C-alpha atoms as a PDB file:
ATOM      1  CA  MET A   1      98.147 109.535 156.201  1.00  0.00           C
ATOM      2  CA  PHE A   2      98.540 106.502 154.208  1.00  0.00           C
ATOM      3  CA  GLY A   3     101.635 106.265 151.970  1.00  0.00           C
ATOM      4  CA  PHE A   4      99.840 106.615 148.591  1.00  0.00           C
ATOM      5  CA  GLU A   5      98.513 109.952 149.546  1.00  0.00           C
ATOM      6  CA  LYS A   6     101.932 111.586 148.982  1.00  0.00           C
ATOM      7  CA  LEU A   7     102.674 110.252 145.541  1.00  0.00           C
ATOM      8  CA  ASP A   8     102.084 112.668 142.990  1.00  0.00           C
ATOM      9  CA  VAL A   9     101.041 109.994 140.341  1.00  0.00           C
ATOM     10  CA  TRP A  10      97.997 109.020 142.921  1.00  0.00           C
ATOM     11  CA  LYS A  11      96.940 112.924 142.999  1.00  0.00           C
ATOM     12  CA  ARG A  12      96.968 113.496 139.710  1.00  0.00           C
ATOM     13  CA  SER A  13      95.116 110.154 138.612  1.00  0.00           C
ATOM     14  CA  LEU A  14      92.253 110.895 141.236  1.00  0.00           C
ATOM     15  CA  HIS A  15      91.856 114.331 139.446  1.00  0.00           C
ATOM     16  CA  PHE A  16      91.821 112.694 136.215  1.00  0.00           C
ATOM     17  CA  ALA A  17      89.321 110.395 137.497  1.00  0.00           C
ATOM     18  CA  ASP A  18      86.909 113.154 138.660  1.00  0.00           C
ATOM     19  CA  ALA A  19      87.375 114.659 135.292  1.00  0.00           C
ATOM     20  CA  MET A  20      86.360 111.609 133.165  1.00  0.00           C
ATOM     21  CA  PHE A  21      83.713 111.051 135.805  1.00  0.00           C
ATOM     22  CA  THR A  22      82.476 114.710 134.728  1.00  0.00           C
ATOM     23  CA  VAL A  23      82.826 113.646 131.141  1.00  0.00           C
ATOM     24  CA  ALA A  24      80.930 110.226 131.411  1.00  0.00           C
ATOM     25  CA  ASP A  25      78.123 112.428 133.403  1.00  0.00           C
ATOM     26  CA  GLY A  26      77.888 114.377 130.407  1.00  0.00           C
ATOM     27  CA  LEU A  27      77.198 111.836 127.776  1.00  0.00           C
ATOM     28  CA  PRO A  28      73.759 111.185 126.308  1.00  0.00           C
ATOM     29  CA  LYS A  29      71.425 108.777 128.161  1.00  0.00           C
ATOM     30  CA  ARG A  30      71.920 106.229 125.409  1.00  0.00           C
ATOM     31  CA  TYR A  31      75.515 106.288 126.258  1.00  0.00           C
ATOM     32  CA  GLN A  32      75.412 106.095 130.059  1.00  0.00           C
ATOM     33  CA  PHE A  33      75.629 102.610 130.820  1.00  0.00           C
ATOM     34  CA  SER A  34      77.960 101.715 128.072  1.00  0.00           C
ATOM     35  CA  LEU A  35      80.447 103.946 127.724  1.00  0.00           C
ATOM     36  CA  GLY A  36      79.532 106.186 130.411  1.00  0.00           C
ATOM     37  CA  ASP A  37      79.728 103.260 132.879  1.00  0.00           C
ATOM     38  CA  GLN A  38      82.962 101.891 131.245  1.00  0.00           C
ATOM     39  CA  LEU A  39      84.587 105.326 131.706  1.00  0.00           C
ATOM     40  CA  ARG A  40      84.107 105.708 135.096  1.00  0.00           C
ATOM     41  CA  ARG A  41      85.330 102.148 136.065  1.00  0.00           C
ATOM     42  CA  ALA A  42      88.589 102.239 134.239  1.00  0.00           C
ATOM     43  CA  SER A  43      89.793 105.969 135.326  1.00  0.00           C
ATOM     44  CA  LEU A  44      88.500 104.960 139.211  1.00  0.00           C
ATOM     45  CA  SER A  45      90.814 101.601 138.704  1.00  0.00           C
ATOM     46  CA  VAL A  46      94.033 103.946 138.170  1.00  0.00           C
ATOM     47  CA  PRO A  47      93.976 105.473 141.674  1.00  0.00           C
ATOM     48  CA  THR A  48      92.865 102.675 143.557  1.00  0.00           C
ATOM     49  CA  ASN A  49      95.090 100.100 141.969  1.00  0.00           C
ATOM     50  CA  ILE A  50      97.777 102.607 142.913  1.00  0.00           C
ATOM     51  CA  ALA A  51      96.848 102.565 146.708  1.00  0.00           C
ATOM     52  CA  GLU A  52      96.046  99.048 146.610  1.00  0.00           C
ATOM     53  CA  GLY A  53      99.665  98.425 145.373  1.00  0.00           C
ATOM     54  CA  SER A  54     101.496 100.722 147.652  1.00  0.00           C
ATOM     55  CA  GLY A  55     100.035  98.899 150.292  1.00  0.00           C
ATOM     56  CA  ARG A  56     101.360  95.551 149.445  1.00  0.00           C
ATOM     57  CA  GLN A  57     104.129  93.921 151.126  1.00  0.00           C
ATOM     58  CA  SER A  58     106.233  92.373 148.169  1.00  0.00           C
ATOM     59  CA  SER A  59     107.625  94.501 145.285  1.00  0.00           C
ATOM     60  CA  LYS A  60     106.227  92.008 143.073  1.00  0.00           C
ATOM     61  CA  GLU A  61     102.594  92.648 144.159  1.00  0.00           C
ATOM     62  CA  GLN A  62     103.352  96.245 144.065  1.00  0.00           C
ATOM     63  CA  ALA A  63     104.484  96.385 140.383  1.00  0.00           C
ATOM     64  CA  TYR A  64     101.332  94.011 139.601  1.00  0.00           C
ATOM     65  CA  PHE A  65      99.103  96.687 140.685  1.00  0.00           C
ATOM     66  CA  TYR A  66     100.848  99.304 138.975  1.00  0.00           C
ATOM     67  CA  ASN A  67     100.703  97.855 135.797  1.00  0.00           C
ATOM     68  CA  ILE A  68      96.906  97.119 136.399  1.00  0.00           C
ATOM     69  CA  ALA A  69      96.749 100.808 137.103  1.00  0.00           C
ATOM     70  CA  LYS A  70      98.646 101.401 133.528  1.00  0.00           C
ATOM     71  CA  GLY A  71      96.138  99.132 131.695  1.00  0.00           C
ATOM     72  CA  SER A  72      93.580 100.796 132.696  1.00  0.00           C
ATOM     73  CA  MET A  73      94.683 104.441 131.900  1.00  0.00           C
ATOM     74  CA  TYR A  74      95.173 102.814 128.350  1.00  0.00           C
ATOM     75  CA  GLU A  75      91.743 101.512 128.462  1.00  0.00           C
ATOM     76  CA  VAL A  76      90.713 105.444 129.392  1.00  0.00           C
ATOM     77  CA  VAL A  77      92.328 106.711 126.059  1.00  0.00           C
ATOM     78  CA  SER A  78      90.666 104.171 124.114  1.00  0.00           C
ATOM     79  CA  LEU A  79      87.337 105.163 125.428  1.00  0.00           C
ATOM     80  CA  LEU A  80      88.045 108.813 125.117  1.00  0.00           C
ATOM     81  CA  ALA A  81      88.865 108.453 121.588  1.00  0.00           C
ATOM     82  CA  LEU A  82      85.177 106.625 120.900  1.00  0.00           C
ATOM     83  CA  ILE A  83      83.681 109.561 122.922  1.00  0.00           C
ATOM     84  CA  GLY A  84      85.177 111.897 120.575  1.00  0.00           C
ATOM     85  CA  LYS A  85      84.396 109.772 117.081  1.00  0.00           C
ATOM     86  CA  ARG A  86      80.749 109.692 118.239  1.00  0.00           C
ATOM     87  CA  GLY A  87      81.036 113.851 118.863  1.00  0.00           C
ATOM     88  CA  HIS A  88      80.703 114.203 122.488  1.00  0.00           C
ATOM     89  CA  LEU A  89      84.407 115.404 123.275  1.00  0.00           C
ATOM     90  CA  THR A  90      85.790 118.211 121.613  1.00  0.00           C
ATOM     91  CA  ARG A  91      89.242 117.782 120.003  1.00  0.00           C
ATOM     92  CA  GLU A  92      90.984 120.383 122.465  1.00  0.00           C
ATOM     93  CA  ASN A  93      89.804 118.504 125.445  1.00  0.00           C
ATOM     94  CA  TYR A  94      90.575 115.191 123.875  1.00  0.00           C
ATOM     95  CA  GLN A  95      94.090 116.428 123.495  1.00  0.00           C
ATOM     96  CA  GLN A  96      94.263 117.600 127.037  1.00  0.00           C
ATOM     97  CA  TYR A  97      92.975 114.427 128.405  1.00  0.00           C
ATOM     98  CA  HIS A  98      95.197 112.522 126.372  1.00  0.00           C
ATOM     99  CA  GLN A  99      98.193 114.371 127.321  1.00  0.00           C
ATOM    100  CA  GLU A 100      97.247 113.912 131.203  1.00  0.00           C
ATOM    101  CA  ALA A 101      96.693 110.221 130.524  1.00  0.00           C
ATOM    102  CA  ASP A 102      99.988 110.036 128.876  1.00  0.00           C
ATOM    103  CA  GLU A 103     102.092 111.921 131.721  1.00  0.00           C
ATOM    104  CA  ILE A 104     100.319 109.905 134.189  1.00  0.00           C
ATOM    105  CA  ALA A 105     101.149 106.725 132.375  1.00  0.00           C
ATOM    106  CA  ALA A 106     104.745 107.270 132.342  1.00  0.00           C
ATOM    107  CA  MET A 107     104.603 108.014 136.059  1.00  0.00           C
ATOM    108  CA  LEU A 108     103.220 104.665 136.330  1.00  0.00           C
ATOM    109  CA  ASN A 109     106.186 102.997 134.311  1.00  0.00           C
ATOM    110  CA  GLY A 110     108.519 104.636 137.078  1.00  0.00           C
ATOM    111  CA  LEU A 111     106.679 103.012 139.545  1.00  0.00           C
ATOM    112  CA  VAL A 112     106.807  99.761 138.013  1.00  0.00           C
ATOM    113  CA  LYS A 113     110.250  99.823 137.394  1.00  0.00           C
ATOM    114  CA  ALA A 114     111.184 101.290 141.181  1.00  0.00           C
ATOM    115  CA  ALA A 115     108.988  98.120 142.303  1.00  0.00           C
ATOM    116  CA  ARG A 116     110.729  95.580 140.119  1.00  0.00           C
ATOM    117  CA  SER A 117     114.455  97.304 141.021  1.00  0.00           C
ATOM    118  CA  ARG A 118     113.351  96.584 144.460  1.00  0.00           C
ATOM    119  CA  ALA A 119     112.400  92.970 144.045  1.00  0.00           C
ATOM    120  CA  ASN A 120     115.691  91.985 142.159  1.00  0.00           C
END
């Protein structure tokens, strides 16, 4: 088992990315190559950067990849807001996804802080 597979934040972000793929897949065809593709890429970036960061030797590199993951989560939230504005996401679903994204981002902040404290 790889170390990142034990991390709750990786497990949650993987589940979240899967949910975002479902959202993207449900978008009208005219949005598949813009909003859909961008949502898939941004959401997939979160667990993959957590995995990559956990495999790095230096704490500075780990923090770098965890920060990329956090930035990707912010991108997902922005995309979800636009998808909602376009009428392709209910308010309830948006709030649910927003809450999950917020919790994952907080967990990523914890990983970044832990990596930075090891670097000092």
